[in-house]
Amino acid sequence: MSGRPEDLFRRIERRRQQRGAQRNDGAWKRETFRLPRPEARQKAKEWFARYPKAAYMTEIEFWREFPDGDIEFVIRRLPSAD
């Protein structure tokens, strides 16, 4: 086992993907985006307009900012508004 940061990152990502494939979160639909700040803001507005929070329980589940100014975020919603 190597102690390089890249190796640690790869192991963590591999485990995260394996857990994601095994996890059953029920009905939630998730999508991840990585965009420059203005485009990220616009994309979130589009999602909330298309899938209103009151009907679809839409929310930004996670977000982070990168040194280059990009914003990565995960938005989740229910698949239907029954």
Protein backbone atom coordinates (compact mmCIF):
# COMPACT_ATOMS: atom_id res chain seq x y z
CA MET A 1 0.00 0.00 0.00
CA SER A 2 1.49 3.28 -1.12
CA GLY A 3 1.33 6.45 0.93
CA ARG A 4 0.95 8.85 -1.99
CA PRO A 5 -2.05 11.18 -1.90
CA GLU A 6 -3.14 10.08 -5.39
CA ASP A 7 -3.30 6.45 -4.28
CA LEU A 8 -5.37 7.34 -1.24
CA PHE A 9 -7.72 9.37 -3.41
CA ARG A 10 -8.19 6.48 -5.84
CA ARG A 11 -8.95 4.02 -3.03
CA ILE A 12 -11.48 6.37 -1.47
CA GLU A 13 -13.20 6.99 -4.83
CA ARG A 14 -13.30 3.27 -5.61
CA ARG A 15 -14.94 2.53 -2.24
CA ARG A 16 -17.36 5.41 -2.64
CA GLN A 17 -18.45 4.10 -6.04
CA GLN A 18 -18.87 0.58 -4.69
CA ARG A 19 -21.01 1.82 -1.81
CA GLY A 20 -23.04 3.99 -4.19
CA ALA A 21 -23.82 0.97 -6.35
CA GLN A 22 -24.88 -1.04 -3.30
CA ARG A 23 -26.85 1.72 -1.57
CA ASN A 24 -30.58 1.87 -2.13
CA ASP A 25 -31.78 5.41 -1.45
CA GLY A 26 -35.32 4.65 -2.46
CA ALA A 27 -36.89 7.07 -4.85
CA TRP A 28 -34.34 9.92 -4.86
CA LYS A 29 -32.94 11.02 -8.21
CA ARG A 30 -29.53 12.69 -8.02
CA GLU A 31 -27.40 14.52 -10.53
CA THR A 32 -23.93 15.99 -10.10
CA PHE A 33 -22.68 19.09 -11.90
CA ARG A 34 -19.35 20.90 -12.00
CA LEU A 35 -19.68 24.33 -13.58
CA PRO A 36 -18.29 27.86 -13.29
CA ARG A 37 -20.16 29.84 -10.61
CA PRO A 38 -22.58 31.76 -12.91
CA GLU A 39 -23.52 28.62 -14.85
CA ALA A 40 -23.91 26.61 -11.62
CA ARG A 41 -26.27 29.24 -10.25
CA GLN A 42 -28.28 29.19 -13.48
CA LYS A 43 -28.44 25.37 -13.55
CA ALA A 44 -29.75 25.29 -9.96
CA LYS A 45 -32.39 27.90 -10.80
CA GLU A 46 -33.48 25.81 -13.81
CA TRP A 47 -33.86 22.70 -11.65
CA PHE A 48 -35.87 24.51 -8.99
CA ALA A 49 -38.11 26.03 -11.67
CA ARG A 50 -38.64 22.66 -13.37
CA TYR A 51 -38.93 20.62 -10.14
CA PRO A 52 -40.37 22.93 -7.44
CA LYS A 53 -39.22 22.19 -3.91
CA ALA A 54 -42.78 21.93 -2.57
CA ALA A 55 -43.75 19.19 -5.03
CA TYR A 56 -40.48 17.31 -5.65
CA MET A 57 -38.58 18.06 -2.42
CA THR A 58 -35.74 19.34 -4.61
CA GLU A 59 -32.60 20.38 -2.75
CA ILE A 60 -28.88 20.94 -3.15
CA GLU A 61 -27.57 17.95 -1.25
CA PHE A 62 -23.86 18.84 -1.37
CA TRP A 63 -21.69 21.53 -2.88
CA ARG A 64 -18.05 22.61 -2.88
CA GLU A 65 -15.91 25.24 -4.55
CA PHE A 66 -12.69 24.42 -6.40
CA PRO A 67 -9.62 26.68 -6.54
CA ASP A 68 -10.33 27.47 -10.20
CA GLY A 69 -13.73 28.90 -9.23
CA ASP A 70 -15.84 25.97 -10.41
CA ILE A 71 -18.69 24.81 -8.21
CA GLU A 72 -19.51 21.13 -7.92
CA PHE A 73 -22.93 20.30 -6.55
CA VAL A 74 -25.31 17.39 -6.18
CA ILE A 75 -28.98 18.15 -6.57
CA ARG A 76 -31.63 15.64 -5.59
CA ARG A 77 -35.36 15.37 -6.11
CA LEU A 78 -38.19 12.89 -6.03
CA PRO A 79 -38.99 11.38 -9.45
CA SER A 80 -42.63 12.48 -9.43
CA ALA A 81 -44.94 14.84 -7.60
CA ASP A 82 -47.87 12.54 -6.84
